[in-house]
Amino acid sequence: MDILDTFKNLGLNQKQTAIYLAALELGQASVGHIALKSGVKRPTCYVVLTELEQKGFVSKLVKKDTTLYTAEHPKKLLTEAELQVKELKTIMPQLESLFRKSDEKPRVAIYEGKEQLDIAYDESFTVKGEILYMSTLKLSQEVFQKTFRKMDLIPLSENYKMRELVDESEEGQKYMDRVKANFRNVRMIPKEFLPFEVDIGIFGNKVLITSLKQEYFTVSIQSPQINQAFRMLFEGLWRISKE
């Protein structure tokens, strides 16, 4: 994973990341040195360092008339992230109880723009059961870069497994050879059904339908009936697709 993407996931923008990395490399340093190293103007650098201090990424030490900043050790960031996960787990039963109360109501949501599309799939990694995907691989990988990385990292089991239908192509064959494993199966959609220029994800009680060309948007439909209908369509296509 790209380091900028990782820090973005931690809540840092591009300037904050550049300044943290500069401070990490310099050790204890003044605003001027950090600004020079990061390529961020000094007034902006001072503001950003204050933001990073509030987030716990840097600490400061005032010596006479000079303020020096030090980047926190990267392992501390990992510890902080693990602590946040533990705290979230303690309240998860309450949150899930609230979520289940509204889960049976049909809901439709629309996500627009490439930056938002991966967000639509985030829930798929928390729902037990079988997740179904079908798409033209090259188009989907361009749009859902973060989601594909998560698919490779998520632990699979009898309670959480995947089946994927991708286009019959050289890219599709290489992808199938790379990812096919226990609890993750891939088949190729026959060429007579192509081009297939949408991405469809089916999990829990949801169906996600994404336009992959020109206008990027995802329609999320939460409905047991619609979900079941799409599962049946997937099964039909799965039976005639190539292993």
Protein backbone atom coordinates (compact mmCIF):
# COMPACT_ATOMS: atom_id res chain seq x y z
CA MET A 1 0.00 0.00 0.00
CA ASP A 2 1.23 3.51 -0.83
CA ILE A 3 2.39 5.45 2.25
CA LEU A 4 0.25 8.47 1.31
CA ASP A 5 -2.85 6.26 1.17
CA THR A 6 -2.00 4.78 4.56
CA PHE A 7 -1.69 8.17 6.22
CA LYS A 8 -4.84 9.32 4.46
CA ASN A 9 -6.64 6.42 6.12
CA LEU A 10 -5.24 7.65 9.44
CA GLY A 11 -6.85 11.03 8.85
CA LEU A 12 -3.86 13.01 7.52
CA ASN A 13 -3.94 15.13 4.38
CA GLN A 14 -1.02 15.50 1.96
CA LYS A 15 0.65 18.43 3.77
CA GLN A 16 0.27 16.82 7.18
CA THR A 17 1.84 13.62 5.86
CA ALA A 18 4.74 15.49 4.23
CA ILE A 19 5.47 17.43 7.41
CA TYR A 20 5.24 14.36 9.67
CA LEU A 21 7.64 12.42 7.41
CA ALA A 22 10.05 15.39 7.33
CA ALA A 23 9.98 15.64 11.13
CA LEU A 24 10.47 11.88 11.40
CA GLU A 25 13.60 12.06 9.27
CA LEU A 26 15.03 15.19 10.91
CA GLY A 27 14.54 14.19 14.51
CA GLN A 28 14.21 17.22 16.80
CA ALA A 29 13.97 20.26 14.53
CA SER A 30 12.67 23.80 14.25
CA VAL A 31 9.70 24.89 12.15
CA GLY A 32 12.08 26.40 9.61
CA HIS A 33 14.02 23.18 9.09
CA ILE A 34 10.86 21.11 8.85
CA ALA A 35 9.34 23.57 6.37
CA LEU A 36 12.46 23.39 4.20
CA LYS A 37 12.59 19.60 4.33
CA SER A 38 8.87 19.12 3.59
CA GLY A 39 8.59 21.81 0.93
CA VAL A 40 5.68 23.44 2.80
CA LYS A 41 5.78 27.20 3.42
CA ARG A 42 6.82 28.16 6.94
CA PRO A 43 3.51 29.84 8.04
CA THR A 44 1.54 26.83 6.78
CA CYS A 45 4.05 24.45 8.35
CA TYR A 46 3.53 26.04 11.76
CA VAL A 47 -0.25 25.63 11.49
CA VAL A 48 0.06 22.02 10.34
CA LEU A 49 2.52 21.15 13.12
CA THR A 50 -0.03 22.44 15.62
CA GLU A 51 -2.65 20.16 14.02
CA LEU A 52 -0.27 17.19 14.17
CA GLU A 53 0.47 17.91 17.82
CA GLN A 54 -3.25 17.84 18.59
CA LYS A 55 -3.56 14.50 16.75
CA GLY A 56 -0.60 13.05 18.68
CA PHE A 57 1.76 12.72 15.71
CA VAL A 58 4.37 15.21 16.97
CA SER A 59 5.43 16.74 20.28
CA LYS A 60 7.09 20.10 20.89
CA LEU A 61 9.74 21.42 23.24
CA VAL A 62 10.26 25.14 23.92
CA LYS A 63 13.91 26.07 24.51
CA LYS A 64 14.42 29.76 25.31
CA ASP A 65 13.23 31.51 22.13
CA THR A 66 13.11 28.37 19.96
CA THR A 67 10.36 25.79 19.58
CA LEU A 68 11.51 22.36 18.48
CA TYR A 69 9.27 19.62 17.15
CA THR A 70 9.81 15.87 17.28
CA ALA A 71 7.84 13.24 15.39
CA GLU A 72 6.36 10.52 17.57
CA HIS A 73 7.78 7.03 17.02
CA PRO A 74 5.77 5.16 14.31
CA LYS A 75 5.07 2.32 16.78
CA LYS A 76 3.19 4.78 18.97
CA LEU A 77 0.83 5.41 16.05
CA LEU A 78 0.21 1.67 15.82
CA THR A 79 -0.45 1.50 19.56
CA GLU A 80 -2.90 4.40 19.33
CA ALA A 81 -4.73 2.73 16.42
CA GLU A 82 -4.96 -0.57 18.32
CA LEU A 83 -6.30 1.26 21.38
CA GLN A 84 -8.99 2.93 19.28
CA VAL A 85 -10.00 -0.47 17.86
CA LYS A 86 -10.25 -1.93 21.39
CA GLU A 87 -12.38 1.00 22.55
CA LEU A 88 -14.64 0.61 19.53
CA LYS A 89 -15.05 -3.12 20.21
CA THR A 90 -16.34 -2.41 23.73
CA ILE A 91 -19.29 -0.41 22.38
CA MET A 92 -19.85 -2.56 19.27
CA PRO A 93 -22.79 -4.56 20.78
CA GLN A 94 -24.66 -1.29 21.42
CA LEU A 95 -23.91 0.02 17.93
CA GLU A 96 -24.98 -3.25 16.28
CA SER A 97 -28.20 -3.25 18.27
CA LEU A 98 -29.03 0.23 16.98
CA PHE A 99 -28.08 -0.78 13.43
CA ARG A 100 -30.30 -3.90 13.45
CA LYS A 101 -33.33 -1.82 14.38
CA SER A 102 -33.16 -0.04 11.04
CA ASP A 103 -31.70 -2.90 9.00
CA GLU A 104 -35.05 -4.31 7.87
CA LYS A 105 -36.24 -1.03 6.33
CA PRO A 106 -35.58 -0.74 2.56
CA ARG A 107 -33.01 1.99 1.92
CA VAL A 108 -31.36 3.48 -1.15
CA ALA A 109 -28.16 5.54 -1.10
CA ILE A 110 -26.08 7.04 -3.91
CA TYR A 111 -22.28 7.53 -3.78
CA GLU A 112 -20.82 9.85 -6.42
CA GLY A 113 -17.21 10.38 -7.52
CA LYS A 114 -14.23 7.99 -7.33
CA GLU A 115 -13.30 9.12 -3.81
CA GLN A 116 -16.68 7.98 -2.46
CA LEU A 117 -17.12 4.69 -4.28
CA ASP A 118 -14.83 2.59 -2.05
CA ILE A 119 -16.81 3.78 0.97
CA ALA A 120 -19.86 1.98 -0.39
CA TYR A 121 -18.05 -1.38 -0.11
CA ASP A 122 -16.70 -0.86 3.42
CA GLU A 123 -19.68 -2.60 5.02
CA SER A 124 -19.10 -5.72 2.93
CA PHE A 125 -16.02 -6.53 5.04
CA THR A 126 -18.05 -6.57 8.26
CA VAL A 127 -21.01 -8.73 7.18
CA LYS A 128 -20.76 -12.48 7.66
CA GLY A 129 -21.81 -14.82 4.89
CA GLU A 130 -20.95 -15.11 1.23
CA ILE A 131 -20.10 -12.00 -0.76
CA LEU A 132 -20.70 -12.05 -4.51
CA TYR A 133 -19.00 -9.76 -7.06
CA MET A 134 -19.30 -9.49 -10.82
CA SER A 135 -17.50 -7.01 -13.04
CA THR A 136 -15.08 -6.31 -15.85
CA LEU A 137 -11.89 -6.67 -13.84
CA LYS A 138 -9.77 -3.89 -15.36
CA LEU A 139 -12.50 -1.28 -14.95
CA SER A 140 -13.30 -2.31 -11.38
CA GLN A 141 -9.64 -2.34 -10.31
CA GLU A 142 -9.20 1.21 -11.56
CA VAL A 143 -12.20 2.44 -9.55
CA PHE A 144 -12.04 0.26 -6.41
CA GLN A 145 -8.30 0.22 -5.69
CA LYS A 146 -8.71 0.32 -1.90
CA THR A 147 -11.44 -2.34 -1.93
CA PHE A 148 -9.29 -4.78 -3.94
CA ARG A 149 -6.42 -4.32 -1.47
CA LYS A 150 -8.80 -5.11 1.40
CA MET A 151 -10.08 -8.19 -0.43
CA ASP A 152 -6.54 -9.58 -0.51
CA LEU A 153 -5.96 -8.89 3.20
CA ILE A 154 -9.24 -9.92 4.80
CA PRO A 155 -9.15 -13.36 6.49
CA LEU A 156 -11.58 -15.77 4.83
CA SER A 157 -13.41 -18.67 6.46
CA GLU A 158 -16.58 -20.73 6.25
CA ASN A 159 -18.38 -17.74 7.80
CA TYR A 160 -16.88 -15.17 5.43
CA LYS A 161 -16.21 -16.20 1.85
CA MET A 162 -16.27 -14.76 -1.68
CA ARG A 163 -17.26 -15.71 -5.19
CA GLU A 164 -16.30 -13.46 -8.09
CA LEU A 165 -17.31 -13.32 -11.73
CA VAL A 166 -14.84 -11.43 -13.94
CA ASP A 167 -14.61 -10.95 -17.68
CA GLU A 168 -13.02 -13.61 -19.85
CA SER A 169 -9.69 -11.93 -20.61
CA GLU A 170 -5.97 -12.27 -20.04
CA GLU A 171 -6.27 -10.00 -16.97
CA GLY A 172 -9.16 -12.12 -15.70
CA GLN A 173 -7.15 -15.35 -16.05
CA LYS A 174 -4.11 -13.91 -14.24
CA TYR A 175 -6.33 -12.55 -11.46
CA MET A 176 -8.10 -15.89 -11.06
CA ASP A 177 -4.77 -17.74 -10.84
CA ARG A 178 -3.49 -15.28 -8.23
CA VAL A 179 -6.42 -15.03 -5.81
CA LYS A 180 -8.25 -18.35 -6.09
CA ALA A 181 -8.08 -20.14 -2.73
CA ASN A 182 -10.18 -21.80 -0.06
CA PHE A 183 -13.34 -19.75 0.48
CA ARG A 184 -12.52 -17.52 -2.55
CA ASN A 185 -13.61 -18.77 -5.94
CA VAL A 186 -13.44 -17.01 -9.29
CA ARG A 187 -14.97 -17.77 -12.69
CA MET A 188 -14.89 -15.91 -16.01
CA ILE A 189 -17.98 -14.48 -17.68
CA PRO A 190 -18.22 -15.85 -21.26
CA LYS A 191 -17.30 -13.36 -23.98
CA GLU A 192 -20.82 -13.41 -25.46
CA PHE A 193 -22.03 -11.59 -22.31
CA LEU A 194 -19.42 -8.83 -22.66
CA PRO A 195 -18.85 -5.90 -22.43
CA PHE A 196 -19.98 -5.82 -18.81
CA GLU A 197 -19.34 -2.22 -17.81
CA VAL A 198 -20.85 -2.15 -14.33
CA ASP A 199 -19.66 -3.55 -11.02
CA ILE A 200 -22.18 -5.46 -8.91
CA GLY A 201 -21.64 -6.45 -5.29
CA ILE A 202 -24.12 -8.57 -3.33
CA PHE A 203 -23.78 -9.09 0.44
CA GLY A 204 -26.01 -9.20 3.52
CA ASN A 205 -29.26 -7.51 2.49
CA LYS A 206 -27.54 -5.12 0.08
CA VAL A 207 -26.85 -4.80 -3.61
CA LEU A 208 -24.29 -2.28 -4.92
CA ILE A 209 -24.46 -1.30 -8.59
CA THR A 210 -21.64 0.89 -9.86
CA SER A 211 -21.23 2.70 -13.17
CA LEU A 212 -17.56 2.25 -14.13
CA LYS A 213 -17.26 4.58 -17.13
CA GLN A 214 -17.54 8.35 -17.55
CA GLU A 215 -19.90 9.18 -14.65
CA TYR A 216 -18.73 7.31 -11.55
CA PHE A 217 -21.49 6.52 -9.08
CA THR A 218 -22.72 3.65 -6.94
CA VAL A 219 -26.35 2.92 -6.10
CA SER A 220 -26.68 1.03 -2.81
CA ILE A 221 -29.99 -0.80 -2.35
CA GLN A 222 -30.84 -2.41 0.98
CA SER A 223 -33.73 -4.80 0.42
CA PRO A 224 -33.95 -8.55 1.15
CA GLN A 225 -36.16 -9.09 -1.92
CA ILE A 226 -33.88 -7.25 -4.36
CA ASN A 227 -30.83 -8.89 -2.81
CA GLN A 228 -32.36 -12.34 -3.30
CA ALA A 229 -33.25 -11.55 -6.93
CA PHE A 230 -29.67 -10.49 -7.71
CA ARG A 231 -28.33 -13.61 -5.98
CA MET A 232 -30.47 -15.74 -8.28
CA LEU A 233 -29.17 -13.85 -11.34
CA PHE A 234 -25.61 -14.34 -10.11
CA GLU A 235 -26.18 -18.09 -9.66
CA GLY A 236 -27.50 -18.39 -13.21
CA LEU A 237 -24.47 -16.63 -14.66
CA TRP A 238 -22.13 -18.58 -12.36
CA ARG A 239 -23.37 -21.92 -13.73
CA ILE A 240 -22.53 -21.04 -17.33
CA SER A 241 -19.24 -19.27 -16.55
CA LYS A 242 -15.79 -20.82 -16.98
CA GLU A 243 -13.77 -22.19 -14.10
